[in-house]
């Protein structure tokens, strides 16, 4: 059975982002692997340092895995390291770079295999965006190809900072039946292993189906490719 899936709206690894503590408590993992791929050009070391400090305060280790360029994602030993993880966290601000590095690589296959085997899979900011296909292009709100495993479900991270015009544009691009979820910074959308979706944090995720307002109860239990 696949493990928990957490889509964090941003402000990851900060003390007021409660989903981290919840995921640690429920995972049984003693180490979190952090892939700062989306921050490759914006101080990935700082992302890892923040994760180490945050998870140390929660009683578990965190370790960065330098998958910053495509050759890193093609490395079989790195893939084996990721495959053995019980908690994988994707981070960074560039979904386009994250997608280009991980798409159709051994490391990405290892991420999905670990999650399918029960590991926690979490993404924050760009890391949450790429877990959806399609994903949002934050440069203008258009929909573009993501990595999945979520299909026909798209998250907008940092939703509390998006302009009404940008939100309306993305809603207008949603096809009938397409699910769009806005997740505020510091909050998260979590799918539990039983297929239940819920919000974690101060701000409840906003849901739209086919561009129209909806609720968490309208999210499909298993929005994955068959």
C-alpha atoms as a PDB file:
ATOM      1  CA  UNK A   1       0.000   0.000   0.000  1.00  0.00           C
ATOM      2  CA  UNK A   2       1.294   3.455  -0.862  1.00  0.00           C
ATOM      3  CA  UNK A   3       2.263   5.705   2.020  1.00  0.00           C
ATOM      4  CA  UNK A   4       1.018   9.149   3.022  1.00  0.00           C
ATOM      5  CA  UNK A   5       1.328  11.878   0.388  1.00  0.00           C
ATOM      6  CA  UNK A   6       1.740  15.473   1.572  1.00  0.00           C
ATOM      7  CA  UNK A   7       1.557  18.565  -0.623  1.00  0.00           C
ATOM      8  CA  UNK A   8       2.877  21.494   1.417  1.00  0.00           C
ATOM      9  CA  UNK A   9       2.089  25.048   0.368  1.00  0.00           C
ATOM     10  CA  UNK A  10       5.459  26.491   1.331  1.00  0.00           C
ATOM     11  CA  UNK A  11       7.275  27.657   4.471  1.00  0.00           C
ATOM     12  CA  UNK A  12       8.472  24.091   4.887  1.00  0.00           C
ATOM     13  CA  UNK A  13      10.753  23.198   7.759  1.00  0.00           C
ATOM     14  CA  UNK A  14       9.464  26.099   9.873  1.00  0.00           C
ATOM     15  CA  UNK A  15       8.110  25.587  13.370  1.00  0.00           C
ATOM     16  CA  UNK A  16       4.638  26.837  12.422  1.00  0.00           C
ATOM     17  CA  UNK A  17       4.222  24.267   9.633  1.00  0.00           C
ATOM     18  CA  UNK A  18       2.500  21.490  11.620  1.00  0.00           C
ATOM     19  CA  UNK A  19       2.389  18.846   8.898  1.00  0.00           C
ATOM     20  CA  UNK A  20       6.058  17.949   9.414  1.00  0.00           C
ATOM     21  CA  UNK A  21       5.492  16.875  13.009  1.00  0.00           C
ATOM     22  CA  UNK A  22       2.388  14.928  12.035  1.00  0.00           C
ATOM     23  CA  UNK A  23       4.169  13.057   9.246  1.00  0.00           C
ATOM     24  CA  UNK A  24       7.087  12.159  11.497  1.00  0.00           C
ATOM     25  CA  UNK A  25       4.774  10.886  14.226  1.00  0.00           C
ATOM     26  CA  UNK A  26       2.855   8.676  11.832  1.00  0.00           C
ATOM     27  CA  UNK A  27       5.682   7.413   9.647  1.00  0.00           C
ATOM     28  CA  UNK A  28       7.891   5.498  12.045  1.00  0.00           C
ATOM     29  CA  UNK A  29      10.868   6.777  10.048  1.00  0.00           C
ATOM     30  CA  UNK A  30      14.077   7.654  11.854  1.00  0.00           C
ATOM     31  CA  UNK A  31      15.492   9.638   8.930  1.00  0.00           C
ATOM     32  CA  UNK A  32      14.096  12.017   6.310  1.00  0.00           C
ATOM     33  CA  UNK A  33      15.798  12.205   2.909  1.00  0.00           C
ATOM     34  CA  UNK A  34      15.572  15.710   1.472  1.00  0.00           C
ATOM     35  CA  UNK A  35      16.012  16.282  -2.265  1.00  0.00           C
ATOM     36  CA  UNK A  36      16.626  20.047  -2.706  1.00  0.00           C
ATOM     37  CA  UNK A  37      16.432  19.668  -6.483  1.00  0.00           C
ATOM     38  CA  UNK A  38      14.091  22.604  -7.005  1.00  0.00           C
ATOM     39  CA  UNK A  39      16.580  24.876  -5.220  1.00  0.00           C
ATOM     40  CA  UNK A  40      19.581  23.853  -7.328  1.00  0.00           C
ATOM     41  CA  UNK A  41      20.305  27.451  -8.328  1.00  0.00           C
ATOM     42  CA  UNK A  42      19.146  29.056  -5.089  1.00  0.00           C
ATOM     43  CA  UNK A  43      21.314  27.786  -2.233  1.00  0.00           C
ATOM     44  CA  UNK A  44      20.215  24.159  -1.909  1.00  0.00           C
ATOM     45  CA  UNK A  45      22.455  23.823   1.135  1.00  0.00           C
ATOM     46  CA  UNK A  46      20.285  26.276   3.014  1.00  0.00           C
ATOM     47  CA  UNK A  47      17.205  24.176   2.274  1.00  0.00           C
ATOM     48  CA  UNK A  48      18.918  21.083   3.639  1.00  0.00           C
ATOM     49  CA  UNK A  49      20.206  22.937   6.712  1.00  0.00           C
ATOM     50  CA  UNK A  50      16.684  24.152   7.480  1.00  0.00           C
ATOM     51  CA  UNK A  51      15.336  20.613   7.124  1.00  0.00           C
ATOM     52  CA  UNK A  52      18.044  19.175   9.360  1.00  0.00           C
ATOM     53  CA  UNK A  53      17.278  21.714  12.086  1.00  0.00           C
ATOM     54  CA  UNK A  54      13.532  21.243  11.805  1.00  0.00           C
ATOM     55  CA  UNK A  55      13.518  17.463  11.924  1.00  0.00           C
ATOM     56  CA  UNK A  56      16.187  17.331  14.610  1.00  0.00           C
ATOM     57  CA  UNK A  57      13.799  19.345  16.782  1.00  0.00           C
ATOM     58  CA  UNK A  58      11.166  16.704  16.023  1.00  0.00           C
ATOM     59  CA  UNK A  59      13.470  13.890  17.105  1.00  0.00           C
ATOM     60  CA  UNK A  60      14.569  12.437  13.759  1.00  0.00           C
ATOM     61  CA  UNK A  61      17.529  12.877  11.454  1.00  0.00           C
ATOM     62  CA  UNK A  62      17.332  14.600   8.086  1.00  0.00           C
ATOM     63  CA  UNK A  63      19.880  14.225   5.320  1.00  0.00           C
ATOM     64  CA  UNK A  64      20.225  16.003   2.018  1.00  0.00           C
ATOM     65  CA  UNK A  65      20.709  14.059  -1.207  1.00  0.00           C
ATOM     66  CA  UNK A  66      22.370  16.242  -3.836  1.00  0.00           C
ATOM     67  CA  UNK A  67      20.195  15.467  -6.830  1.00  0.00           C
ATOM     68  CA  UNK A  68      20.731  18.866  -8.416  1.00  0.00           C
ATOM     69  CA  UNK A  69      21.443  18.003 -12.056  1.00  0.00           C
ATOM     70  CA  UNK A  70      20.195  15.290 -14.370  1.00  0.00           C
ATOM     71  CA  UNK A  71      23.388  13.179 -14.085  1.00  0.00           C
ATOM     72  CA  UNK A  72      22.753  13.039 -10.327  1.00  0.00           C
ATOM     73  CA  UNK A  73      19.295  11.577 -10.958  1.00  0.00           C
ATOM     74  CA  UNK A  74      20.747   8.948 -13.287  1.00  0.00           C
ATOM     75  CA  UNK A  75      23.123   7.627 -10.624  1.00  0.00           C
ATOM     76  CA  UNK A  76      22.149   4.103  -9.577  1.00  0.00           C
ATOM     77  CA  UNK A  77      23.753   4.299  -6.131  1.00  0.00           C
ATOM     78  CA  UNK A  78      21.787   7.451  -5.346  1.00  0.00           C
ATOM     79  CA  UNK A  79      18.638   5.734  -6.572  1.00  0.00           C
ATOM     80  CA  UNK A  80      19.302   2.801  -4.242  1.00  0.00           C
ATOM     81  CA  UNK A  81      19.712   5.222  -1.326  1.00  0.00           C
ATOM     82  CA  UNK A  82      16.368   6.847  -2.115  1.00  0.00           C
ATOM     83  CA  UNK A  83      14.631   3.503  -2.643  1.00  0.00           C
ATOM     84  CA  UNK A  84      15.520   2.437   0.892  1.00  0.00           C
ATOM     85  CA  UNK A  85      14.104   5.604   2.470  1.00  0.00           C
ATOM     86  CA  UNK A  86      10.944   5.649   4.569  1.00  0.00           C
ATOM     87  CA  UNK A  87      10.398   9.404   4.222  1.00  0.00           C
ATOM     88  CA  UNK A  88      11.299  11.421   1.111  1.00  0.00           C
ATOM     89  CA  UNK A  89      10.864  15.192   0.919  1.00  0.00           C
ATOM     90  CA  UNK A  90      11.119  17.157  -2.357  1.00  0.00           C
ATOM     91  CA  UNK A  91      11.925  20.843  -1.935  1.00  0.00           C
ATOM     92  CA  UNK A  92      12.827  24.009  -3.802  1.00  0.00           C
ATOM     93  CA  UNK A  93      11.207  26.792  -5.785  1.00  0.00           C
ATOM     94  CA  UNK A  94      11.657  25.767  -9.438  1.00  0.00           C
ATOM     95  CA  UNK A  95       9.198  23.125 -10.649  1.00  0.00           C
ATOM     96  CA  UNK A  96      10.581  23.312 -14.189  1.00  0.00           C
ATOM     97  CA  UNK A  97      14.099  22.438 -13.054  1.00  0.00           C
ATOM     98  CA  UNK A  98      12.837  19.738 -10.722  1.00  0.00           C
ATOM     99  CA  UNK A  99      10.865  18.156 -13.547  1.00  0.00           C
ATOM    100  CA  UNK A 100      13.737  18.315 -16.045  1.00  0.00           C
ATOM    101  CA  UNK A 101      16.160  16.702 -13.583  1.00  0.00           C
ATOM    102  CA  UNK A 102      13.942  13.868 -12.323  1.00  0.00           C
ATOM    103  CA  UNK A 103      11.743  12.900 -15.272  1.00  0.00           C
ATOM    104  CA  UNK A 104      12.298   9.276 -16.396  1.00  0.00           C
ATOM    105  CA  UNK A 105      15.337   8.655 -14.172  1.00  0.00           C
ATOM    106  CA  UNK A 106      16.328   5.925 -11.704  1.00  0.00           C
ATOM    107  CA  UNK A 107      16.041   8.365  -8.809  1.00  0.00           C
ATOM    108  CA  UNK A 108      12.468   9.296  -9.709  1.00  0.00           C
ATOM    109  CA  UNK A 109      11.580   5.635 -10.130  1.00  0.00           C
ATOM    110  CA  UNK A 110      13.068   5.048  -6.671  1.00  0.00           C
ATOM    111  CA  UNK A 111      10.991   7.853  -5.146  1.00  0.00           C
ATOM    112  CA  UNK A 112       7.795   6.318  -6.501  1.00  0.00           C
ATOM    113  CA  UNK A 113       8.814   2.786  -5.531  1.00  0.00           C
ATOM    114  CA  UNK A 114       9.569   3.833  -1.950  1.00  0.00           C
ATOM    115  CA  UNK A 115       6.211   5.612  -1.683  1.00  0.00           C
ATOM    116  CA  UNK A 116       4.377   2.664  -3.238  1.00  0.00           C
ATOM    117  CA  UNK A 117       6.009   0.490  -0.576  1.00  0.00           C
ATOM    118  CA  UNK A 118       4.611   2.643   2.226  1.00  0.00           C
ATOM    119  CA  UNK A 119       7.119   5.469   2.644  1.00  0.00           C
ATOM    120  CA  UNK A 120       5.988   9.045   3.233  1.00  0.00           C
ATOM    121  CA  UNK A 121       6.275  11.219   0.118  1.00  0.00           C
ATOM    122  CA  UNK A 122       6.146  14.953   0.770  1.00  0.00           C
ATOM    123  CA  UNK A 123       6.742  17.943  -1.442  1.00  0.00           C
ATOM    124  CA  UNK A 124       6.845  21.613  -0.629  1.00  0.00           C
ATOM    125  CA  UNK A 125       6.545  24.517  -3.044  1.00  0.00           C
ATOM    126  CA  UNK A 126       7.905  23.195  -6.383  1.00  0.00           C
ATOM    127  CA  UNK A 127       8.233  19.763  -4.812  1.00  0.00           C
ATOM    128  CA  UNK A 128       4.467  19.659  -4.317  1.00  0.00           C
ATOM    129  CA  UNK A 129       3.701  21.063  -7.767  1.00  0.00           C
ATOM    130  CA  UNK A 130       5.619  18.389  -9.681  1.00  0.00           C
ATOM    131  CA  UNK A 131       3.801  15.593  -7.871  1.00  0.00           C
ATOM    132  CA  UNK A 132       0.820  16.574 -10.023  1.00  0.00           C
ATOM    133  CA  UNK A 133       0.205  16.103 -13.748  1.00  0.00           C
ATOM    134  CA  UNK A 134      -0.639  18.610 -15.023  1.00  0.00           C
ATOM    135  CA  UNK A 135       1.160  21.048 -12.781  1.00  0.00           C
ATOM    136  CA  UNK A 136       0.952  24.826 -12.629  1.00  0.00           C
ATOM    137  CA  UNK A 137       3.615  26.954 -14.274  1.00  0.00           C
ATOM    138  CA  UNK A 138       4.059  29.632 -11.566  1.00  0.00           C
ATOM    139  CA  UNK A 139       5.358  32.124 -14.109  1.00  0.00           C
ATOM    140  CA  UNK A 140       1.874  32.727 -15.457  1.00  0.00           C
ATOM    141  CA  UNK A 141      -0.576  30.194 -14.099  1.00  0.00           C
ATOM    142  CA  UNK A 142      -0.784  28.000 -17.190  1.00  0.00           C
ATOM    143  CA  UNK A 143      -0.973  24.221 -16.870  1.00  0.00           C
ATOM    144  CA  UNK A 144       1.974  22.159 -18.062  1.00  0.00           C
ATOM    145  CA  UNK A 145       3.294  18.612 -17.807  1.00  0.00           C
ATOM    146  CA  UNK A 146       4.190  17.429 -14.307  1.00  0.00           C
ATOM    147  CA  UNK A 147       5.684  14.212 -12.958  1.00  0.00           C
ATOM    148  CA  UNK A 148       2.776  12.731 -11.021  1.00  0.00           C
ATOM    149  CA  UNK A 149       1.868  10.338  -9.453  1.00  0.00           C
ATOM    150  CA  UNK A 150      -1.279  12.474  -9.143  1.00  0.00           C
ATOM    151  CA  UNK A 151      -3.179  12.758 -12.433  1.00  0.00           C
ATOM    152  CA  UNK A 152      -5.815  15.380 -13.299  1.00  0.00           C
ATOM    153  CA  UNK A 153      -5.206  16.979  -9.913  1.00  0.00           C
ATOM    154  CA  UNK A 154      -3.131  20.151  -9.657  1.00  0.00           C
ATOM    155  CA  UNK A 155      -1.971  22.102  -6.613  1.00  0.00           C
ATOM    156  CA  UNK A 156      -1.150  25.782  -6.434  1.00  0.00           C
ATOM    157  CA  UNK A 157       1.341  26.258  -3.612  1.00  0.00           C
ATOM    158  CA  UNK A 158       1.647  29.587  -1.830  1.00  0.00           C
ATOM    159  CA  UNK A 159      -1.996  30.093  -2.735  1.00  0.00           C
ATOM    160  CA  UNK A 160      -2.391  32.866  -0.174  1.00  0.00           C
ATOM    161  CA  UNK A 161       0.017  35.029  -2.195  1.00  0.00           C
ATOM    162  CA  UNK A 162      -1.549  34.437  -5.634  1.00  0.00           C
ATOM    163  CA  UNK A 163      -3.429  37.341  -7.179  1.00  0.00           C
ATOM    164  CA  UNK A 164      -7.154  36.923  -7.907  1.00  0.00           C
ATOM    165  CA  UNK A 165      -6.412  37.400 -11.620  1.00  0.00           C
ATOM    166  CA  UNK A 166      -3.865  34.562 -11.639  1.00  0.00           C
ATOM    167  CA  UNK A 167      -6.239  32.257  -9.774  1.00  0.00           C
ATOM    168  CA  UNK A 168      -9.081  33.054 -12.156  1.00  0.00           C
ATOM    169  CA  UNK A 169      -6.846  32.416 -15.165  1.00  0.00           C
ATOM    170  CA  UNK A 170      -5.822  28.986 -13.890  1.00  0.00           C
ATOM    171  CA  UNK A 171      -9.412  28.103 -13.001  1.00  0.00           C
ATOM    172  CA  UNK A 172     -10.489  29.049 -16.511  1.00  0.00           C
ATOM    173  CA  UNK A 173      -7.890  26.667 -17.955  1.00  0.00           C
ATOM    174  CA  UNK A 174      -9.227  23.705 -15.959  1.00  0.00           C
ATOM    175  CA  UNK A 175     -11.000  21.105 -18.082  1.00  0.00           C
ATOM    176  CA  UNK A 176     -14.273  19.537 -16.893  1.00  0.00           C
ATOM    177  CA  UNK A 177     -13.488  17.175 -14.027  1.00  0.00           C
ATOM    178  CA  UNK A 178     -10.001  18.570 -13.482  1.00  0.00           C
ATOM    179  CA  UNK A 179      -9.258  19.161  -9.794  1.00  0.00           C
ATOM    180  CA  UNK A 180      -7.379  22.290  -8.729  1.00  0.00           C
ATOM    181  CA  UNK A 181      -6.372  22.798  -5.094  1.00  0.00           C
ATOM    182  CA  UNK A 182      -4.907  25.973  -3.615  1.00  0.00           C
ATOM    183  CA  UNK A 183      -2.661  25.319  -0.613  1.00  0.00           C
ATOM    184  CA  UNK A 184      -1.515  28.245   1.512  1.00  0.00           C
ATOM    185  CA  UNK A 185       2.020  28.669   2.765  1.00  0.00           C
ATOM    186  CA  UNK A 186       2.462  26.793   6.037  1.00  0.00           C
ATOM    187  CA  UNK A 187      -0.505  24.519   5.389  1.00  0.00           C
ATOM    188  CA  UNK A 188      -0.770  21.224   3.523  1.00  0.00           C
ATOM    189  CA  UNK A 189      -3.019  18.874   1.601  1.00  0.00           C
ATOM    190  CA  UNK A 190      -2.513  15.288   2.784  1.00  0.00           C
ATOM    191  CA  UNK A 191      -3.707  12.029   1.267  1.00  0.00           C
ATOM    192  CA  UNK A 192      -3.713   9.200   3.791  1.00  0.00           C
ATOM    193  CA  UNK A 193      -3.031   5.602   2.694  1.00  0.00           C
ATOM    194  CA  UNK A 194      -6.755   4.807   2.813  1.00  0.00           C
ATOM    195  CA  UNK A 195      -7.433   7.437   0.134  1.00  0.00           C
ATOM    196  CA  UNK A 196      -8.802  10.092   2.490  1.00  0.00           C
ATOM    197  CA  UNK A 197      -7.839  13.705   1.748  1.00  0.00           C
ATOM    198  CA  UNK A 198      -7.553  16.344   4.463  1.00  0.00           C
ATOM    199  CA  UNK A 199      -6.052  19.727   5.158  1.00  0.00           C
ATOM    200  CA  UNK A 200      -3.383  20.277   7.812  1.00  0.00           C
ATOM    201  CA  UNK A 201      -2.518  23.725   9.124  1.00  0.00           C
ATOM    202  CA  UNK A 202      -4.196  27.046   9.769  1.00  0.00           C
ATOM    203  CA  UNK A 203      -5.680  27.504   6.283  1.00  0.00           C
ATOM    204  CA  UNK A 204      -8.026  24.931   4.737  1.00  0.00           C
ATOM    205  CA  UNK A 205      -7.082  24.135   1.116  1.00  0.00           C
ATOM    206  CA  UNK A 206      -9.398  25.636  -1.505  1.00  0.00           C
ATOM    207  CA  UNK A 207     -10.755  23.149  -4.042  1.00  0.00           C
ATOM    208  CA  UNK A 208     -12.094  23.724  -7.547  1.00  0.00           C
ATOM    209  CA  UNK A 209     -13.417  21.082  -9.931  1.00  0.00           C
ATOM    210  CA  UNK A 210     -13.681  22.103 -13.555  1.00  0.00           C
ATOM    211  CA  UNK A 211     -12.946  25.639 -12.398  1.00  0.00           C
ATOM    212  CA  UNK A 212     -15.919  25.727 -10.012  1.00  0.00           C
ATOM    213  CA  UNK A 213     -15.692  25.921  -6.216  1.00  0.00           C
ATOM    214  CA  UNK A 214     -15.823  22.512  -4.522  1.00  0.00           C
ATOM    215  CA  UNK A 215     -14.634  20.857  -1.295  1.00  0.00           C
ATOM    216  CA  UNK A 216     -12.089  18.328  -0.061  1.00  0.00           C
ATOM    217  CA  UNK A 217     -14.842  15.728  -0.146  1.00  0.00           C
ATOM    218  CA  UNK A 218     -14.933  16.072  -3.928  1.00  0.00           C
ATOM    219  CA  UNK A 219     -11.333  14.896  -4.359  1.00  0.00           C
ATOM    220  CA  UNK A 220     -11.025  11.405  -5.872  1.00  0.00           C
ATOM    221  CA  UNK A 221      -9.576   8.769  -3.548  1.00  0.00           C
ATOM    222  CA  UNK A 222      -7.107   7.439  -6.131  1.00  0.00           C
ATOM    223  CA  UNK A 223      -6.285  10.071  -8.781  1.00  0.00           C
ATOM    224  CA  UNK A 224      -3.495   8.024 -10.321  1.00  0.00           C
ATOM    225  CA  UNK A 225      -2.739   6.762 -13.815  1.00  0.00           C
ATOM    226  CA  UNK A 226      -4.077   3.280 -14.485  1.00  0.00           C
END
